Amino acid sequence: MWLQHELGTILYPMFVHMYLELVYNGYKSQAVDFMKTYRPRQEDYFQEDILKLATISTKEQIKSSEIAETFKYVFSLSVREFL
């Protein structure tokens, strides 16, 4: 279904951003719960990256994470487009 694919391209970056935001702000247990709840709803082709994302559990790990750095850039571009 094309709509599901289109939504996935929006929802996945939001999923990553929200997870990292929880971790960054010290909400570790909420981040774990968020991951357990919403990971299964992400497209199959994102699951490998999500496994890497799930290993991030501290602010320090975010700062040294390649996947977090990638999404930091993606979100900064997205926000500028709407300003």
N, C-alpha and C. Protein backbone atom coordinates (compact mmCIF):
# COMPACT_ATOMS: atom_id res chain seq x y z
N MET A 1 0.84 -1.18 0.00
CA MET A 1 0.00 0.00 0.00
C MET A 1 0.88 1.24 0.00
N TRP A 2 0.76 2.10 -0.98
CA TRP A 2 1.64 3.25 -1.12
C TRP A 2 1.53 4.22 0.03
N LEU A 3 0.35 4.41 0.60
CA LEU A 3 0.18 5.36 1.70
C LEU A 3 0.98 4.94 2.91
N GLN A 4 1.01 3.66 3.21
CA GLN A 4 1.78 3.16 4.34
C GLN A 4 3.26 3.47 4.14
N HIS A 5 3.76 3.27 2.93
CA HIS A 5 5.17 3.58 2.64
C HIS A 5 5.43 5.07 2.82
N GLU A 6 4.55 5.90 2.31
CA GLU A 6 4.71 7.35 2.43
C GLU A 6 4.71 7.78 3.89
N LEU A 7 3.83 7.24 4.67
CA LEU A 7 3.79 7.57 6.10
C LEU A 7 5.05 7.09 6.80
N GLY A 8 5.57 5.94 6.38
CA GLY A 8 6.79 5.41 6.98
C GLY A 8 7.97 6.35 6.82
N THR A 9 8.01 7.04 5.71
CA THR A 9 9.12 7.97 5.48
C THR A 9 9.04 9.18 6.41
N ILE A 10 7.88 9.45 6.94
CA ILE A 10 7.70 10.53 7.91
C ILE A 10 7.79 10.01 9.33
N LEU A 11 7.13 8.88 9.58
CA LEU A 11 7.04 8.37 10.94
C LEU A 11 8.37 7.85 11.48
N TYR A 12 9.18 7.25 10.63
CA TYR A 12 10.46 6.72 11.11
C TYR A 12 11.38 7.81 11.65
N PRO A 13 11.60 8.90 10.92
CA PRO A 13 12.43 9.96 11.50
C PRO A 13 11.84 10.54 12.79
N MET A 14 10.53 10.61 12.87
CA MET A 14 9.89 11.09 14.10
C MET A 14 10.14 10.10 15.24
N PHE A 15 10.05 8.82 14.93
CA PHE A 15 10.32 7.77 15.91
C PHE A 15 11.73 7.92 16.47
N VAL A 16 12.70 8.07 15.57
CA VAL A 16 14.10 8.21 15.99
C VAL A 16 14.27 9.46 16.84
N HIS A 17 13.74 10.55 16.38
CA HIS A 17 13.87 11.82 17.11
C HIS A 17 13.26 11.72 18.51
N MET A 18 12.07 11.16 18.60
CA MET A 18 11.40 11.06 19.90
C MET A 18 12.17 10.15 20.85
N TYR A 19 12.68 9.03 20.34
CA TYR A 19 13.47 8.13 21.18
C TYR A 19 14.71 8.85 21.70
N LEU A 20 15.44 9.50 20.80
CA LEU A 20 16.66 10.19 21.21
C LEU A 20 16.36 11.34 22.16
N GLU A 21 15.27 12.00 21.97
CA GLU A 21 14.86 13.09 22.86
C GLU A 21 14.61 12.56 24.28
N LEU A 22 13.95 11.42 24.38
CA LEU A 22 13.72 10.80 25.69
C LEU A 22 15.05 10.44 26.36
N VAL A 23 15.92 9.80 25.62
CA VAL A 23 17.23 9.42 26.16
C VAL A 23 18.02 10.65 26.58
N TYR A 24 18.08 11.63 25.71
CA TYR A 24 18.86 12.84 25.96
C TYR A 24 18.41 13.56 27.23
N ASN A 25 17.11 13.54 27.48
CA ASN A 25 16.57 14.24 28.65
C ASN A 25 16.50 13.37 29.90
N GLY A 26 17.09 12.18 29.82
CA GLY A 26 17.21 11.33 31.01
C GLY A 26 16.02 10.45 31.32
N TYR A 27 15.11 10.29 30.38
CA TYR A 27 13.93 9.46 30.59
C TYR A 27 14.20 8.05 30.06
N LYS A 28 15.12 7.37 30.69
CA LYS A 28 15.59 6.07 30.20
C LYS A 28 14.46 5.03 30.16
N SER A 29 13.72 4.89 31.24
CA SER A 29 12.66 3.86 31.26
C SER A 29 11.55 4.18 30.26
N GLN A 30 11.24 5.46 30.10
CA GLN A 30 10.24 5.85 29.11
C GLN A 30 10.75 5.58 27.70
N ALA A 31 12.05 5.79 27.49
CA ALA A 31 12.64 5.51 26.17
C ALA A 31 12.54 4.01 25.86
N VAL A 32 12.82 3.18 26.83
CA VAL A 32 12.73 1.73 26.65
C VAL A 32 11.28 1.34 26.33
N ASP A 33 10.34 1.89 27.08
CA ASP A 33 8.92 1.61 26.83
C ASP A 33 8.49 2.09 25.44
N PHE A 34 8.95 3.27 25.06
CA PHE A 34 8.64 3.82 23.74
C PHE A 34 9.16 2.88 22.65
N MET A 35 10.41 2.42 22.82
CA MET A 35 11.01 1.52 21.84
C MET A 35 10.21 0.22 21.74
N LYS A 36 9.84 -0.37 22.87
CA LYS A 36 9.08 -1.62 22.87
C LYS A 36 7.71 -1.45 22.21
N THR A 37 7.09 -0.32 22.45
CA THR A 37 5.74 -0.08 21.94
C THR A 37 5.72 0.22 20.44
N TYR A 38 6.63 1.08 20.00
CA TYR A 38 6.53 1.58 18.63
C TYR A 38 7.50 0.96 17.64
N ARG A 39 8.49 0.23 18.11
CA ARG A 39 9.41 -0.42 17.17
C ARG A 39 8.68 -1.38 16.22
N PRO A 40 7.79 -2.22 16.72
CA PRO A 40 7.11 -3.16 15.81
C PRO A 40 6.27 -2.47 14.73
N ARG A 41 5.93 -1.23 14.94
CA ARG A 41 5.10 -0.51 13.97
C ARG A 41 5.92 0.12 12.84
N GLN A 42 7.24 0.06 12.94
CA GLN A 42 8.11 0.63 11.91
C GLN A 42 8.30 -0.38 10.78
N GLU A 43 8.57 0.14 9.61
CA GLU A 43 8.76 -0.72 8.43
C GLU A 43 9.93 -1.68 8.64
N ASP A 44 9.84 -2.85 8.02
CA ASP A 44 10.89 -3.87 8.16
C ASP A 44 12.26 -3.36 7.75
N TYR A 45 12.33 -2.55 6.72
CA TYR A 45 13.63 -2.10 6.24
C TYR A 45 14.30 -1.11 7.18
N PHE A 46 13.62 -0.66 8.24
CA PHE A 46 14.24 0.21 9.24
C PHE A 46 14.74 -0.57 10.46
N GLN A 47 14.39 -1.84 10.56
CA GLN A 47 14.64 -2.59 11.79
C GLN A 47 16.12 -2.72 12.14
N GLU A 48 16.99 -2.85 11.15
CA GLU A 48 18.42 -2.97 11.45
C GLU A 48 18.94 -1.70 12.13
N ASP A 49 18.55 -0.55 11.61
CA ASP A 49 18.95 0.71 12.23
C ASP A 49 18.32 0.89 13.60
N ILE A 50 17.09 0.42 13.75
CA ILE A 50 16.42 0.54 15.04
C ILE A 50 17.13 -0.30 16.10
N LEU A 51 17.66 -1.46 15.70
CA LEU A 51 18.46 -2.25 16.65
C LEU A 51 19.67 -1.46 17.14
N LYS A 52 20.33 -0.75 16.24
CA LYS A 52 21.46 0.10 16.63
C LYS A 52 20.99 1.24 17.53
N LEU A 53 19.87 1.83 17.18
CA LEU A 53 19.32 2.92 17.97
C LEU A 53 19.00 2.48 19.40
N ALA A 54 18.47 1.28 19.53
CA ALA A 54 18.07 0.77 20.85
C ALA A 54 19.26 0.58 21.80
N THR A 55 20.47 0.54 21.25
CA THR A 55 21.65 0.39 22.12
C THR A 55 22.06 1.72 22.74
N ILE A 56 21.48 2.80 22.29
CA ILE A 56 21.79 4.12 22.84
C ILE A 56 20.91 4.36 24.06
N SER A 57 21.56 4.57 25.21
CA SER A 57 20.77 4.76 26.43
C SER A 57 21.27 5.91 27.30
N THR A 58 22.27 6.66 26.82
CA THR A 58 22.76 7.81 27.58
C THR A 58 23.03 8.98 26.64
N LYS A 59 23.08 10.16 27.21
CA LYS A 59 23.38 11.37 26.45
C LYS A 59 24.76 11.27 25.80
N GLU A 60 25.70 10.67 26.50
CA GLU A 60 27.06 10.52 25.96
C GLU A 60 27.07 9.62 24.73
N GLN A 61 26.27 8.56 24.75
CA GLN A 61 26.18 7.67 23.59
C GLN A 61 25.54 8.37 22.39
N ILE A 62 24.61 9.26 22.66
CA ILE A 62 24.01 10.02 21.57
C ILE A 62 25.07 10.85 20.87
N LYS A 63 25.91 11.49 21.66
CA LYS A 63 26.93 12.38 21.10
C LYS A 63 27.93 11.65 20.21
N SER A 64 28.14 10.37 20.47
CA SER A 64 29.12 9.61 19.68
C SER A 64 28.47 8.65 18.69
N SER A 65 27.16 8.72 18.54
CA SER A 65 26.43 7.79 17.67
C SER A 65 26.31 8.32 16.25
N GLU A 66 26.66 7.47 15.31
CA GLU A 66 26.54 7.82 13.90
C GLU A 66 25.08 8.01 13.50
N ILE A 67 24.21 7.13 13.96
CA ILE A 67 22.80 7.23 13.59
C ILE A 67 22.18 8.49 14.19
N ALA A 68 22.55 8.84 15.42
CA ALA A 68 22.03 10.06 16.03
C ALA A 68 22.52 11.29 15.27
N GLU A 69 23.77 11.28 14.85
CA GLU A 69 24.32 12.40 14.08
C GLU A 69 23.58 12.54 12.75
N THR A 70 23.28 11.44 12.10
CA THR A 70 22.54 11.48 10.84
C THR A 70 21.18 12.13 11.04
N PHE A 71 20.47 11.73 12.07
CA PHE A 71 19.13 12.27 12.28
C PHE A 71 19.15 13.68 12.82
N LYS A 72 20.18 14.05 13.49
CA LYS A 72 20.33 15.45 13.93
C LYS A 72 20.34 16.34 12.69
N TYR A 73 21.07 15.95 11.68
CA TYR A 73 21.16 16.70 10.43
C TYR A 73 19.82 16.70 9.70
N VAL A 74 19.17 15.56 9.62
CA VAL A 74 17.89 15.46 8.93
C VAL A 74 16.85 16.35 9.58
N PHE A 75 16.79 16.34 10.91
CA PHE A 75 15.79 17.15 11.60
C PHE A 75 16.09 18.64 11.52
N SER A 76 17.35 19.00 11.53
CA SER A 76 17.65 20.43 11.41
C SER A 76 17.24 20.94 10.03
N LEU A 77 17.40 20.13 9.00
CA LEU A 77 16.94 20.52 7.66
C LEU A 77 15.43 20.61 7.63
N SER A 78 14.74 19.66 8.20
CA SER A 78 13.28 19.64 8.18
C SER A 78 12.70 20.85 8.90
N VAL A 79 13.26 21.19 10.02
CA VAL A 79 12.74 22.32 10.79
C VAL A 79 12.92 23.61 10.00
N ARG A 80 14.05 23.78 9.36
CA ARG A 80 14.31 25.00 8.57
C ARG A 80 13.31 25.14 7.43
N GLU A 81 12.87 24.04 6.87
CA GLU A 81 11.93 24.11 5.76
C GLU A 81 10.59 24.71 6.19
N PHE A 82 10.23 24.54 7.45
CA PHE A 82 8.94 25.02 7.93
C PHE A 82 9.00 26.39 8.59
N LEU A 83 10.18 26.93 8.74
CA LEU A 83 10.32 28.26 9.37
C LEU A 83 10.19 29.38 8.38
